[in-house]
Amino acid sequence: MPSAPGASRYVALFAAAVVLAMTWKVYPLFKDTLRIDGRVVSLDDYVAEACGERVGPLATSCREATLEHGRRLVASQQAKALLMVEAPLIAYLVVYLPYRSIVRRLDRSRARPSAPLSP
């Protein structure tokens, strides 16, 4: 007799649906945008805002330093966004699968017939 789909399948489907929804929401911001003080700005706007009024060699060095810092910030924020998107699947793997494995072991140990005692 086939068994009904377990909760594991439903949890995995829910996690996959959350990942798809979060990817749909976060992906457009993934390219080269930064979140600075609650605002979302592009990397070019961030550099222009930081070094907009400087001229000459000072402007060149400011742009290079700010662009390098901005790229590090973009990479950091992309990593955070990726972790946020994948969090449901990671939680499924870290929490639910070991729990299910332990429950199966306990069920198997309870189902084994005990050996008769020798006189």
PDB file of N, CA and C in Angstrom:
ATOM      1  N   MET A   1       0.843  -1.168   0.000  1.00  0.00           N
ATOM      2  CA  MET A   1       0.000   0.000   0.000  1.00  0.00           C
ATOM      3  C   MET A   1       0.899   1.246   0.000  1.00  0.00           C
ATOM      4  N   PRO A   2       0.774   2.144  -0.989  1.00  0.00           N
ATOM      5  CA  PRO A   2       1.644   3.317  -1.040  1.00  0.00           C
ATOM      6  C   PRO A   2       1.333   4.271   0.104  1.00  0.00           C
ATOM      7  N   SER A   3       2.400   4.832   0.626  1.00  0.00           N
ATOM      8  CA  SER A   3       2.222   5.760   1.744  1.00  0.00           C
ATOM      9  C   SER A   3       1.925   7.162   1.218  1.00  0.00           C
ATOM     10  N   ALA A   4       1.284   7.946   2.049  1.00  0.00           N
ATOM     11  CA  ALA A   4       0.973   9.330   1.695  1.00  0.00           C
ATOM     12  C   ALA A   4       2.269  10.137   1.695  1.00  0.00           C
ATOM     13  N   PRO A   5       2.328  11.203   0.899  1.00  0.00           N
ATOM     14  CA  PRO A   5       3.537  12.023   0.897  1.00  0.00           C
ATOM     15  C   PRO A   5       3.825  12.539   2.297  1.00  0.00           C
ATOM     16  N   GLY A   6       5.063  12.411   2.704  1.00  0.00           N
ATOM     17  CA  GLY A   6       5.452  12.835   4.042  1.00  0.00           C
ATOM     18  C   GLY A   6       5.580  14.336   4.146  1.00  0.00           C
ATOM     19  N   ALA A   7       5.697  14.765   5.367  1.00  0.00           N
ATOM     20  CA  ALA A   7       5.857  16.199   5.624  1.00  0.00           C
ATOM     21  C   ALA A   7       7.147  16.717   5.011  1.00  0.00           C
ATOM     22  N   SER A   8       8.115  15.839   4.849  1.00  0.00           N
ATOM     23  CA  SER A   8       9.395  16.248   4.276  1.00  0.00           C
ATOM     24  C   SER A   8       9.218  16.836   2.881  1.00  0.00           C
ATOM     25  N   ARG A   9       8.377  16.213   2.082  1.00  0.00           N
ATOM     26  CA  ARG A   9       8.140  16.735   0.730  1.00  0.00           C
ATOM     27  C   ARG A   9       7.482  18.102   0.775  1.00  0.00           C
ATOM     28  N   TYR A  10       6.543  18.269   1.680  1.00  0.00           N
ATOM     29  CA  TYR A  10       5.866  19.561   1.792  1.00  0.00           C
ATOM     30  C   TYR A  10       6.814  20.652   2.286  1.00  0.00           C
ATOM     31  N   VAL A  11       7.673  20.306   3.217  1.00  0.00           N
ATOM     32  CA  VAL A  11       8.655  21.279   3.714  1.00  0.00           C
ATOM     33  C   VAL A  11       9.617  21.652   2.599  1.00  0.00           C
ATOM     34  N   ALA A  12      10.067  20.671   1.838  1.00  0.00           N
ATOM     35  CA  ALA A  12      10.979  20.953   0.729  1.00  0.00           C
ATOM     36  C   ALA A  12      10.302  21.803  -0.341  1.00  0.00           C
ATOM     37  N   LEU A  13       9.060  21.515  -0.659  1.00  0.00           N
ATOM     38  CA  LEU A  13       8.333  22.331  -1.638  1.00  0.00           C
ATOM     39  C   LEU A  13       8.127  23.759  -1.144  1.00  0.00           C
ATOM     40  N   PHE A  14       7.796  23.895   0.145  1.00  0.00           N
ATOM     41  CA  PHE A  14       7.638  25.230   0.716  1.00  0.00           C
ATOM     42  C   PHE A  14       8.954  25.997   0.668  1.00  0.00           C
ATOM     43  N   ALA A  15      10.051  25.334   1.023  1.00  0.00           N
ATOM     44  CA  ALA A  15      11.360  25.989   0.989  1.00  0.00           C
ATOM     45  C   ALA A  15      11.711  26.407  -0.431  1.00  0.00           C
ATOM     46  N   ALA A  16      11.432  25.562  -1.404  1.00  0.00           N
ATOM     47  CA  ALA A  16      11.707  25.902  -2.795  1.00  0.00           C
ATOM     48  C   ALA A  16      10.855  27.083  -3.257  1.00  0.00           C
ATOM     49  N   ALA A  17       9.597  27.122  -2.834  1.00  0.00           N
ATOM     50  CA  ALA A  17       8.723  28.244  -3.194  1.00  0.00           C
ATOM     51  C   ALA A  17       9.223  29.554  -2.583  1.00  0.00           C
ATOM     52  N   VAL A  18       9.695  29.499  -1.348  1.00  0.00           N
ATOM     53  CA  VAL A  18      10.230  30.705  -0.709  1.00  0.00           C
ATOM     54  C   VAL A  18      11.492  31.167  -1.429  1.00  0.00           C
ATOM     55  N   VAL A  19      12.341  30.224  -1.816  1.00  0.00           N
ATOM     56  CA  VAL A  19      13.563  30.579  -2.538  1.00  0.00           C
ATOM     57  C   VAL A  19      13.213  31.244  -3.868  1.00  0.00           C
ATOM     58  N   LEU A  20      12.239  30.707  -4.591  1.00  0.00           N
ATOM     59  CA  LEU A  20      11.832  31.317  -5.855  1.00  0.00           C
ATOM     60  C   LEU A  20      11.259  32.716  -5.653  1.00  0.00           C
ATOM     61  N   ALA A  21      10.423  32.883  -4.642  1.00  0.00           N
ATOM     62  CA  ALA A  21       9.831  34.197  -4.376  1.00  0.00           C
ATOM     63  C   ALA A  21      10.897  35.216  -3.976  1.00  0.00           C
ATOM     64  N   MET A  22      11.814  34.817  -3.125  1.00  0.00           N
ATOM     65  CA  MET A  22      12.871  35.741  -2.696  1.00  0.00           C
ATOM     66  C   MET A  22      13.819  36.066  -3.848  1.00  0.00           C
ATOM     67  N   THR A  23      14.081  35.081  -4.696  1.00  0.00           N
ATOM     68  CA  THR A  23      14.933  35.337  -5.860  1.00  0.00           C
ATOM     69  C   THR A  23      14.261  36.345  -6.783  1.00  0.00           C
ATOM     70  N   TRP A  24      12.965  36.191  -6.966  1.00  0.00           N
ATOM     71  CA  TRP A  24      12.209  37.123  -7.811  1.00  0.00           C
ATOM     72  C   TRP A  24      12.295  38.547  -7.253  1.00  0.00           C
ATOM     73  N   LYS A  25      12.258  38.679  -5.937  1.00  0.00           N
ATOM     74  CA  LYS A  25      12.275  39.991  -5.309  1.00  0.00           C
ATOM     75  C   LYS A  25      13.689  40.578  -5.233  1.00  0.00           C
ATOM     76  N   VAL A  26      14.690  39.751  -4.931  1.00  0.00           N
ATOM     77  CA  VAL A  26      16.045  40.240  -4.676  1.00  0.00           C
ATOM     78  C   VAL A  26      16.882  40.322  -5.948  1.00  0.00           C
ATOM     79  N   TYR A  27      16.643  39.476  -6.926  1.00  0.00           N
ATOM     80  CA  TYR A  27      17.492  39.403  -8.116  1.00  0.00           C
ATOM     81  C   TYR A  27      17.683  40.736  -8.842  1.00  0.00           C
ATOM     82  N   PRO A  28      16.645  41.545  -9.030  1.00  0.00           N
ATOM     83  CA  PRO A  28      16.872  42.824  -9.723  1.00  0.00           C
ATOM     84  C   PRO A  28      17.846  43.749  -8.993  1.00  0.00           C
ATOM     85  N   LEU A  29      17.969  43.606  -7.692  1.00  0.00           N
ATOM     86  CA  LEU A  29      18.887  44.455  -6.937  1.00  0.00           C
ATOM     87  C   LEU A  29      20.279  43.856  -6.831  1.00  0.00           C
ATOM     88  N   PHE A  30      20.499  42.715  -7.454  1.00  0.00           N
ATOM     89  CA  PHE A  30      21.720  41.960  -7.245  1.00  0.00           C
ATOM     90  C   PHE A  30      22.914  42.500  -8.023  1.00  0.00           C
ATOM     91  N   LYS A  31      22.695  43.226  -9.080  1.00  0.00           N
ATOM     92  CA  LYS A  31      23.781  43.546  -9.990  1.00  0.00           C
ATOM     93  C   LYS A  31      24.849  44.440  -9.368  1.00  0.00           C
ATOM     94  N   ASP A  32      24.563  45.701  -9.173  1.00  0.00           N
ATOM     95  CA  ASP A  32      25.591  46.608  -8.633  1.00  0.00           C
ATOM     96  C   ASP A  32      24.966  47.696  -7.749  1.00  0.00           C
ATOM     97  N   THR A  33      24.050  47.296  -6.915  1.00  0.00           N
ATOM     98  CA  THR A  33      23.412  48.265  -6.031  1.00  0.00           C
ATOM     99  C   THR A  33      23.871  48.066  -4.598  1.00  0.00           C
ATOM    100  N   LEU A  34      23.819  49.156  -3.864  1.00  0.00           N
ATOM    101  CA  LEU A  34      24.206  49.165  -2.450  1.00  0.00           C
ATOM    102  C   LEU A  34      23.047  49.676  -1.615  1.00  0.00           C
ATOM    103  N   ARG A  35      22.969  49.196  -0.406  1.00  0.00           N
ATOM    104  CA  ARG A  35      22.011  49.748   0.541  1.00  0.00           C
ATOM    105  C   ARG A  35      22.826  50.564   1.539  1.00  0.00           C
ATOM    106  N   ILE A  36      22.689  51.874   1.438  1.00  0.00           N
ATOM    107  CA  ILE A  36      23.423  52.795   2.298  1.00  0.00           C
ATOM    108  C   ILE A  36      22.405  53.579   3.117  1.00  0.00           C
ATOM    109  N   ASP A  37      22.471  53.441   4.423  1.00  0.00           N
ATOM    110  CA  ASP A  37      21.560  54.149   5.337  1.00  0.00           C
ATOM    111  C   ASP A  37      20.094  53.970   4.946  1.00  0.00           C
ATOM    112  N   GLY A  38      19.722  52.767   4.541  1.00  0.00           N
ATOM    113  CA  GLY A  38      18.335  52.483   4.197  1.00  0.00           C
ATOM    114  C   GLY A  38      17.955  52.854   2.777  1.00  0.00           C
ATOM    115  N   ARG A  39      18.859  53.458   2.030  1.00  0.00           N
ATOM    116  CA  ARG A  39      18.594  53.823   0.637  1.00  0.00           C
ATOM    117  C   ARG A  39      19.284  52.829  -0.275  1.00  0.00           C
ATOM    118  N   VAL A  40      18.699  52.565  -1.420  1.00  0.00           N
ATOM    119  CA  VAL A  40      19.320  51.709  -2.428  1.00  0.00           C
ATOM    120  C   VAL A  40      19.872  52.623  -3.510  1.00  0.00           C
ATOM    121  N   VAL A  41      21.200  52.556  -3.707  1.00  0.00           N
ATOM    122  CA  VAL A  41      21.874  53.381  -4.723  1.00  0.00           C
ATOM    123  C   VAL A  41      22.766  52.488  -5.571  1.00  0.00           C
ATOM    124  N   SER A  42      22.979  52.909  -6.807  1.00  0.00           N
ATOM    125  CA  SER A  42      23.885  52.152  -7.670  1.00  0.00           C
ATOM    126  C   SER A  42      25.325  52.474  -7.267  1.00  0.00           C
ATOM    127  N   LEU A  43      26.230  51.633  -7.693  1.00  0.00           N
ATOM    128  CA  LEU A  43      27.641  51.827  -7.358  1.00  0.00           C
ATOM    129  C   LEU A  43      28.164  53.127  -7.953  1.00  0.00           C
ATOM    130  N   ASP A  44      27.753  53.456  -9.175  1.00  0.00           N
ATOM    131  CA  ASP A  44      28.189  54.704  -9.801  1.00  0.00           C
ATOM    132  C   ASP A  44      27.682  55.923  -9.035  1.00  0.00           C
ATOM    133  N   ASP A  45      26.437  55.872  -8.583  1.00  0.00           N
ATOM    134  CA  ASP A  45      25.888  56.988  -7.799  1.00  0.00           C
ATOM    135  C   ASP A  45      26.600  57.121  -6.455  1.00  0.00           C
ATOM    136  N   TYR A  46      26.969  55.980  -5.864  1.00  0.00           N
ATOM    137  CA  TYR A  46      27.697  55.994  -4.593  1.00  0.00           C
ATOM    138  C   TYR A  46      29.046  56.690  -4.755  1.00  0.00           C
ATOM    139  N   VAL A  47      29.761  56.376  -5.839  1.00  0.00           N
ATOM    140  CA  VAL A  47      31.066  56.998  -6.091  1.00  0.00           C
ATOM    141  C   VAL A  47      30.885  58.479  -6.387  1.00  0.00           C
ATOM    142  N   ALA A  48      29.891  58.824  -7.202  1.00  0.00           N
ATOM    143  CA  ALA A  48      29.657  60.235  -7.542  1.00  0.00           C
ATOM    144  C   ALA A  48      29.274  61.041  -6.307  1.00  0.00           C
ATOM    145  N   GLU A  49      28.493  60.450  -5.429  1.00  0.00           N
ATOM    146  CA  GLU A  49      28.076  61.144  -4.211  1.00  0.00           C
ATOM    147  C   GLU A  49      29.247  61.359  -3.254  1.00  0.00           C
ATOM    148  N   ALA A  50      30.127  60.375  -3.171  1.00  0.00           N
ATOM    149  CA  ALA A  50      31.250  60.473  -2.247  1.00  0.00           C
ATOM    150  C   ALA A  50      32.342  61.415  -2.755  1.00  0.00           C
ATOM    151  N   CYS A  51      32.537  61.469  -4.060  1.00  0.00           N
ATOM    152  CA  CYS A  51      33.653  62.259  -4.608  1.00  0.00           C
ATOM    153  C   CYS A  51      33.199  63.336  -5.572  1.00  0.00           C
ATOM    154  N   GLY A  52      31.956  63.733  -5.505  1.00  0.00           N
ATOM    155  CA  GLY A  52      31.395  64.656  -6.486  1.00  0.00           C
ATOM    156  C   GLY A  52      32.038  66.020  -6.556  1.00  0.00           C
ATOM    157  N   GLU A  53      32.474  66.599  -5.457  1.00  0.00           N
ATOM    158  CA  GLU A  53      32.969  67.971  -5.461  1.00  0.00           C
ATOM    159  C   GLU A  53      34.485  68.073  -5.500  1.00  0.00           C
ATOM    160  N   ARG A  54      35.157  66.984  -5.597  1.00  0.00           N
ATOM    161  CA  ARG A  54      36.620  67.011  -5.634  1.00  0.00           C
ATOM    162  C   ARG A  54      37.092  67.130  -7.076  1.00  0.00           C
ATOM    163  N   VAL A  55      38.246  67.776  -7.265  1.00  0.00           N
ATOM    164  CA  VAL A  55      38.807  67.954  -8.608  1.00  0.00           C
ATOM    165  C   VAL A  55      40.289  67.601  -8.590  1.00  0.00           C
ATOM    166  N   GLY A  56      40.806  67.328  -9.770  1.00  0.00           N
ATOM    167  CA  GLY A  56      42.234  67.065  -9.917  1.00  0.00           C
ATOM    168  C   GLY A  56      42.631  65.684  -9.433  1.00  0.00           C
ATOM    169  N   PRO A  57      43.907  65.586  -8.999  1.00  0.00           N
ATOM    170  CA  PRO A  57      44.413  64.281  -8.571  1.00  0.00           C
ATOM    171  C   PRO A  57      43.685  63.746  -7.336  1.00  0.00           C
ATOM    172  N   LEU A  58      43.182  64.643  -6.514  1.00  0.00           N
ATOM    173  CA  LEU A  58      42.443  64.218  -5.326  1.00  0.00           C
ATOM    174  C   LEU A  58      41.153  63.496  -5.727  1.00  0.00           C
ATOM    175  N   ALA A  59      40.524  63.951  -6.789  1.00  0.00           N
ATOM    176  CA  ALA A  59      39.289  63.322  -7.269  1.00  0.00           C
ATOM    177  C   ALA A  59      39.580  61.927  -7.816  1.00  0.00           C
ATOM    178  N   THR A  60      40.699  61.786  -8.528  1.00  0.00           N
ATOM    179  CA  THR A  60      41.058  60.483  -9.097  1.00  0.00           C
ATOM    180  C   THR A  60      41.305  59.464  -7.988  1.00  0.00           C
ATOM    181  N   SER A  61      42.104  59.845  -7.001  1.00  0.00           N
ATOM    182  CA  SER A  61      42.388  58.905  -5.907  1.00  0.00           C
ATOM    183  C   SER A  61      41.125  58.615  -5.098  1.00  0.00           C
ATOM    184  N   CYS A  62      40.268  59.612  -4.923  1.00  0.00           N
ATOM    185  CA  CYS A  62      39.013  59.398  -4.195  1.00  0.00           C
ATOM    186  C   CYS A  62      38.121  58.422  -4.949  1.00  0.00           C
ATOM    187  N   ARG A  63      38.012  58.607  -6.258  1.00  0.00           N
ATOM    188  CA  ARG A  63      37.174  57.711  -7.058  1.00  0.00           C
ATOM    189  C   ARG A  63      37.687  56.266  -7.006  1.00  0.00           C
ATOM    190  N   GLU A  64      39.000  56.099  -7.110  1.00  0.00           N
ATOM    191  CA  GLU A  64      39.574  54.749  -7.069  1.00  0.00           C
ATOM    192  C   GLU A  64      39.317  54.087  -5.716  1.00  0.00           C
ATOM    193  N   ALA A  65      39.573  54.816  -4.645  1.00  0.00           N
ATOM    194  CA  ALA A  65      39.378  54.255  -3.300  1.00  0.00           C
ATOM    195  C   ALA A  65      37.900  53.974  -3.023  1.00  0.00           C
ATOM    196  N   THR A  66      37.037  54.898  -3.416  1.00  0.00           N
ATOM    197  CA  THR A  66      35.605  54.728  -3.176  1.00  0.00           C
ATOM    198  C   THR A  66      35.040  53.601  -4.034  1.00  0.00           C
ATOM    199  N   LEU A  67      35.515  53.482  -5.277  1.00  0.00           N
ATOM    200  CA  LEU A  67      35.060  52.402  -6.142  1.00  0.00           C
ATOM    201  C   LEU A  67      35.473  51.039  -5.579  1.00  0.00           C
ATOM    202  N   GLU A  68      36.701  50.939  -5.081  1.00  0.00           N
ATOM    203  CA  GLU A  68      37.163  49.690  -4.468  1.00  0.00           C
ATOM    204  C   GLU A  68      36.339  49.350  -3.228  1.00  0.00           C
ATOM    205  N   HIS A  69      36.106  50.346  -2.394  1.00  0.00           N
ATOM    206  CA  HIS A  69      35.291  50.134  -1.190  1.00  0.00           C
ATOM    207  C   HIS A  69      33.855  49.769  -1.561  1.00  0.00           C
ATOM    208  N   GLY A  70      33.315  50.427  -2.567  1.00  0.00           N
ATOM    209  CA  GLY A  70      31.955  50.135  -3.029  1.00  0.00           C
ATOM    210  C   GLY A  70      31.828  48.724  -3.577  1.00  0.00           C
ATOM    211  N   ARG A  71      32.836  48.260  -4.297  1.00  0.00           N
ATOM    212  CA  ARG A  71      32.798  46.882  -4.817  1.00  0.00           C
ATOM    213  C   ARG A  71      32.809  45.862  -3.682  1.00  0.00           C
ATOM    214  N   ARG A  72      33.586  46.148  -2.640  1.00  0.00           N
ATOM    215  CA  ARG A  72      33.578  45.247  -1.474  1.00  0.00           C
ATOM    216  C   ARG A  72      32.214  45.242  -0.808  1.00  0.00           C
ATOM    217  N   LEU A  73      31.595  46.414  -0.695  1.00  0.00           N
ATOM    218  CA  LEU A  73      30.255  46.492  -0.112  1.00  0.00           C
ATOM    219  C   LEU A  73      29.226  45.734  -0.960  1.00  0.00           C
ATOM    220  N   VAL A  74      29.322  45.858  -2.288  1.00  0.00           N
ATOM    221  CA  VAL A  74      28.407  45.143  -3.176  1.00  0.00           C
ATOM    222  C   VAL A  74      28.567  43.640  -2.983  1.00  0.00           C
ATOM    223  N   ALA A  75      29.804  43.165  -2.945  1.00  0.00           N
ATOM    224  CA  ALA A  75      30.042  41.727  -2.756  1.00  0.00           C
ATOM    225  C   ALA A  75      29.502  41.250  -1.411  1.00  0.00           C
ATOM    226  N   SER A  76      29.696  42.048  -0.381  1.00  0.00           N
ATOM    227  CA  SER A  76      29.193  41.689   0.952  1.00  0.00           C
ATOM    228  C   SER A  76      27.671  41.632   0.969  1.00  0.00           C
ATOM    229  N   GLN A  77      27.035  42.611   0.361  1.00  0.00           N
ATOM    230  CA  GLN A  77      25.575  42.634   0.346  1.00  0.00           C
ATOM    231  C   GLN A  77      25.007  41.540  -0.542  1.00  0.00           C
ATOM    232  N   GLN A  78      25.715  41.174  -1.606  1.00  0.00           N
ATOM    233  CA  GLN A  78      25.268  40.063  -2.441  1.00  0.00           C
ATOM    234  C   GLN A  78      25.342  38.747  -1.667  1.00  0.00           C
ATOM    235  N   ALA A  79      26.387  38.579  -0.876  1.00  0.00           N
ATOM    236  CA  ALA A  79      26.517  37.364  -0.071  1.00  0.00           C
ATOM    237  C   ALA A  79      25.401  37.283   0.965  1.00  0.00           C
ATOM    238  N   LYS A  80      25.081  38.407   1.595  1.00  0.00           N
ATOM    239  CA  LYS A  80      23.982  38.422   2.575  1.00  0.00           C
ATOM    240  C   LYS A  80      22.651  38.101   1.904  1.00  0.00           C
ATOM    241  N   ALA A  81      22.430  38.674   0.739  1.00  0.00           N
ATOM    242  CA  ALA A  81      21.174  38.426   0.020  1.00  0.00           C
ATOM    243  C   ALA A  81      21.078  36.967  -0.408  1.00  0.00           C
ATOM    244  N   LEU A  82      22.184  36.406  -0.862  1.00  0.00           N
ATOM    245  CA  LEU A  82      22.182  35.002  -1.264  1.00  0.00           C
ATOM    246  C   LEU A  82      21.895  34.088  -0.076  1.00  0.00           C
ATOM    247  N   LEU A  83      22.478  34.409   1.060  1.00  0.00           N
ATOM    248  CA  LEU A  83      22.210  33.621   2.268  1.00  0.00           C
ATOM    249  C   LEU A  83      20.750  33.744   2.678  1.00  0.00           C
ATOM    250  N   MET A  84      20.196  34.940   2.578  1.00  0.00           N
ATOM    251  CA  MET A  84      18.794  35.144   2.924  1.00  0.00           C
ATOM    252  C   MET A  84      17.876  34.349   1.988  1.00  0.00           C
ATOM    253  N   VAL A  85      18.225  34.309   0.709  1.00  0.00           N
ATOM    254  CA  VAL A  85      17.409  33.589  -0.263  1.00  0.00           C
ATOM    255  C   VAL A  85      17.480  32.088  -0.006  1.00  0.00           C
ATOM    256  N   GLU A  86      18.661  31.585   0.325  1.00  0.00           N
ATOM    257  CA  GLU A  86      18.839  30.147   0.512  1.00  0.00           C
ATOM    258  C   GLU A  86      18.545  29.668   1.931  1.00  0.00           C
ATOM    259  N   ALA A  87      18.223  30.552   2.842  1.00  0.00           N
ATOM    260  CA  ALA A  87      18.007  30.185   4.245  1.00  0.00           C
ATOM    261  C   ALA A  87      16.968  29.075   4.450  1.00  0.00           C
ATOM    262  N   PRO A  88      15.830  29.075   3.767  1.00  0.00           N
ATOM    263  CA  PRO A  88      14.874  27.986   3.996  1.00  0.00           C
ATOM    264  C   PRO A  88      15.428  26.609   3.631  1.00  0.00           C
ATOM    265  N   LEU A  89      16.169  26.530   2.538  1.00  0.00           N
ATOM    266  CA  LEU A  89      16.750  25.235   2.166  1.00  0.00           C
ATOM    267  C   LEU A  89      17.854  24.816   3.130  1.00  0.00           C
ATOM    268  N   ILE A  90      18.632  25.774   3.589  1.00  0.00           N
ATOM    269  CA  ILE A  90      19.683  25.464   4.564  1.00  0.00           C
ATOM    270  C   ILE A  90      19.053  24.984   5.861  1.00  0.00           C
ATOM    271  N   ALA A  91      18.002  25.654   6.298  1.00  0.00           N
ATOM    272  CA  ALA A  91      17.307  25.223   7.519  1.00  0.00           C
ATOM    273  C   ALA A  91      16.729  23.827   7.346  1.00  0.00           C
ATOM    274  N   TYR A  92      16.194  23.539   6.183  1.00  0.00           N
ATOM    275  CA  TYR A  92      15.654  22.207   5.908  1.00  0.00           C
ATOM    276  C   TYR A  92      16.755  21.157   6.026  1.00  0.00           C
ATOM    277  N   LEU A  93      17.900  21.427   5.443  1.00  0.00           N
ATOM    278  CA  LEU A  93      18.995  20.465   5.481  1.00  0.00           C
ATOM    279  C   LEU A  93      19.584  20.302   6.876  1.00  0.00           C
ATOM    280  N   VAL A  94      19.692  21.393   7.608  1.00  0.00           N
ATOM    281  CA  VAL A  94      20.353  21.355   8.916  1.00  0.00           C
ATOM    282  C   VAL A  94      19.439  20.858  10.024  1.00  0.00           C
ATOM    283  N   VAL A  95      18.150  21.151   9.954  1.00  0.00           N
ATOM    284  CA  VAL A  95      17.239  20.809  11.043  1.00  0.00           C
ATOM    285  C   VAL A  95      16.378  19.598  10.715  1.00  0.00           C
ATOM    286  N   TYR A  96      15.671  19.654   9.627  1.00  0.00           N
ATOM    287  CA  TYR A  96      14.644  18.645   9.380  1.00  0.00           C
ATOM    288  C   TYR A  96      15.217  17.278   8.995  1.00  0.00           C
ATOM    289  N   LEU A  97      16.214  17.256   8.136  1.00  0.00           N
ATOM    290  CA  LEU A  97      16.756  15.968   7.701  1.00  0.00           C
ATOM    291  C   LEU A  97      17.399  15.175   8.847  1.00  0.00           C
ATOM    292  N   PRO A  98      18.228  15.788   9.713  1.00  0.00           N
ATOM    293  CA  PRO A  98      18.741  15.018  10.856  1.00  0.00           C
ATOM    294  C   PRO A  98      17.620  14.564  11.794  1.00  0.00           C
ATOM    295  N   TYR A  99      16.627  15.410  12.016  1.00  0.00           N
ATOM    296  CA  TYR A  99      15.493  15.032  12.850  1.00  0.00           C
ATOM    297  C   TYR A  99      14.794  13.810  12.274  1.00  0.00           C
ATOM    298  N   ARG A 100      14.565  13.817  10.983  1.00  0.00           N
ATOM    299  CA  ARG A 100      13.884  12.699  10.323  1.00  0.00           C
ATOM    300  C   ARG A 100      14.723  11.422  10.416  1.00  0.00           C
ATOM    301  N   SER A 101      16.027  11.544  10.285  1.00  0.00           N
ATOM    302  CA  SER A 101      16.915  10.394  10.395  1.00  0.00           C
ATOM    303  C   SER A 101      16.858   9.779  11.792  1.00  0.00           C
ATOM    304  N   ILE A 102      16.839  10.612  12.813  1.00  0.00           N
ATOM    305  CA  ILE A 102      16.758  10.129  14.198  1.00  0.00           C
ATOM    306  C   ILE A 102      15.427   9.423  14.436  1.00  0.00           C
ATOM    307  N   VAL A 103      14.353   9.991  13.935  1.00  0.00           N
ATOM    308  CA  VAL A 103      13.033   9.377  14.112  1.00  0.00           C
ATOM    309  C   VAL A 103      12.987   8.018  13.429  1.00  0.00           C
ATOM    310  N   ARG A 104      13.544   7.907  12.245  1.00  0.00           N
ATOM    311  CA  ARG A 104      13.559   6.611  11.542  1.00  0.00           C
ATOM    312  C   ARG A 104      14.349   5.572  12.320  1.00  0.00           C
ATOM    313  N   ARG A 105      15.493   5.966  12.868  1.00  0.00           N
ATOM    314  CA  ARG A 105      16.283   5.024  13.672  1.00  0.00           C
ATOM    315  C   ARG A 105      15.508   4.548  14.883  1.00  0.00           C
ATOM    316  N   LEU A 106      14.832   5.465  15.555  1.00  0.00           N
ATOM    317  CA  LEU A 106      14.043   5.083  16.724  1.00  0.00           C
ATOM    318  C   LEU A 106      12.915   4.143  16.335  1.00  0.00           C
ATOM    319  N   ASP A 107      12.263   4.400  15.210  1.00  0.00           N
ATOM    320  CA  ASP A 107      11.191   3.520  14.743  1.00  0.00           C
ATOM    321  C   ASP A 107      11.717   2.125  14.415  1.00  0.00           C
ATOM    322  N   ARG A 108      12.884   2.059  13.801  1.00  0.00           N
ATOM    323  CA  ARG A 108      13.469   0.757  13.478  1.00  0.00           C
ATOM    324  C   ARG A 108      13.844  -0.017  14.739  1.00  0.00           C
ATOM    325  N   SER A 109      14.402   0.688  15.720  1.00  0.00           N
ATOM    326  CA  SER A 109      14.810  -0.011  16.945  1.00  0.00           C
ATOM    327  C   SER A 109      13.595  -0.506  17.727  1.00  0.00           C
ATOM    328  N   ARG A 110      12.505   0.195  17.679  1.00  0.00           N
ATOM    329  CA  ARG A 110      11.275  -0.244  18.353  1.00  0.00           C
ATOM    330  C   ARG A 110      10.619  -1.398  17.623  1.00  0.00           C
ATOM    331  N   ALA A 111      10.782  -1.473  16.310  1.00  0.00           N
ATOM    332  CA  ALA A 111      10.131  -2.497  15.511  1.00  0.00           C
ATOM    333  C   ALA A 111      10.877  -3.838  15.567  1.00  0.00           C
ATOM    334  N   ARG A 112      12.125  -3.842  15.966  1.00  0.00           N
ATOM    335  CA  ARG A 112      12.891  -5.085  16.027  1.00  0.00           C
ATOM    336  C   ARG A 112      12.356  -5.965  17.152  1.00  0.00           C
ATOM    337  N   PRO A 113      12.177  -7.237  16.853  1.00  0.00           N
ATOM    338  CA  PRO A 113      11.743  -8.143  17.930  1.00  0.00           C
ATOM    339  C   PRO A 113      12.895  -8.383  18.883  1.00  0.00           C
ATOM    340  N   SER A 114      12.586  -8.455  20.139  1.00  0.00           N
ATOM    341  CA  SER A 114      13.624  -8.696  21.119  1.00  0.00           C
ATOM    342  C   SER A 114      13.953 -10.183  21.165  1.00  0.00           C
ATOM    343  N   ALA A 115      15.205 -10.492  21.368  1.00  0.00           N
ATOM    344  CA  ALA A 115      15.653 -11.887  21.414  1.00  0.00           C
ATOM    345  C   ALA A 115      15.200 -12.511  22.736  1.00  0.00           C
ATOM    346  N   PRO A 116      14.804 -13.783  22.693  1.00  0.00           N
ATOM    347  CA  PRO A 116      14.398 -14.439  23.936  1.00  0.00           C
ATOM    348  C   PRO A 116      15.592 -14.595  24.877  1.00  0.00           C
ATOM    349  N   LEU A 117      15.339 -14.508  26.134  1.00  0.00           N
ATOM    350  CA  LEU A 117      16.389 -14.630  27.137  1.00  0.00           C
ATOM    351  C   LEU A 117      16.734 -16.101  27.329  1.00  0.00           C
ATOM    352  N   SER A 118      17.993 -16.398  27.499  1.00  0.00           N
ATOM    353  CA  SER A 118      18.446 -17.777  27.743  1.00  0.00           C
ATOM    354  C   SER A 118      18.275 -18.133  29.204  1.00  0.00           C
ATOM    355  N   PRO A 119      17.868 -19.384  29.473  1.00  0.00           N
ATOM    356  CA  PRO A 119      17.735 -19.754  30.883  1.00  0.00           C
ATOM    357  C   PRO A 119      19.032 -19.957  31.585  1.00  0.00           C
TER     358      PRO A 119
END
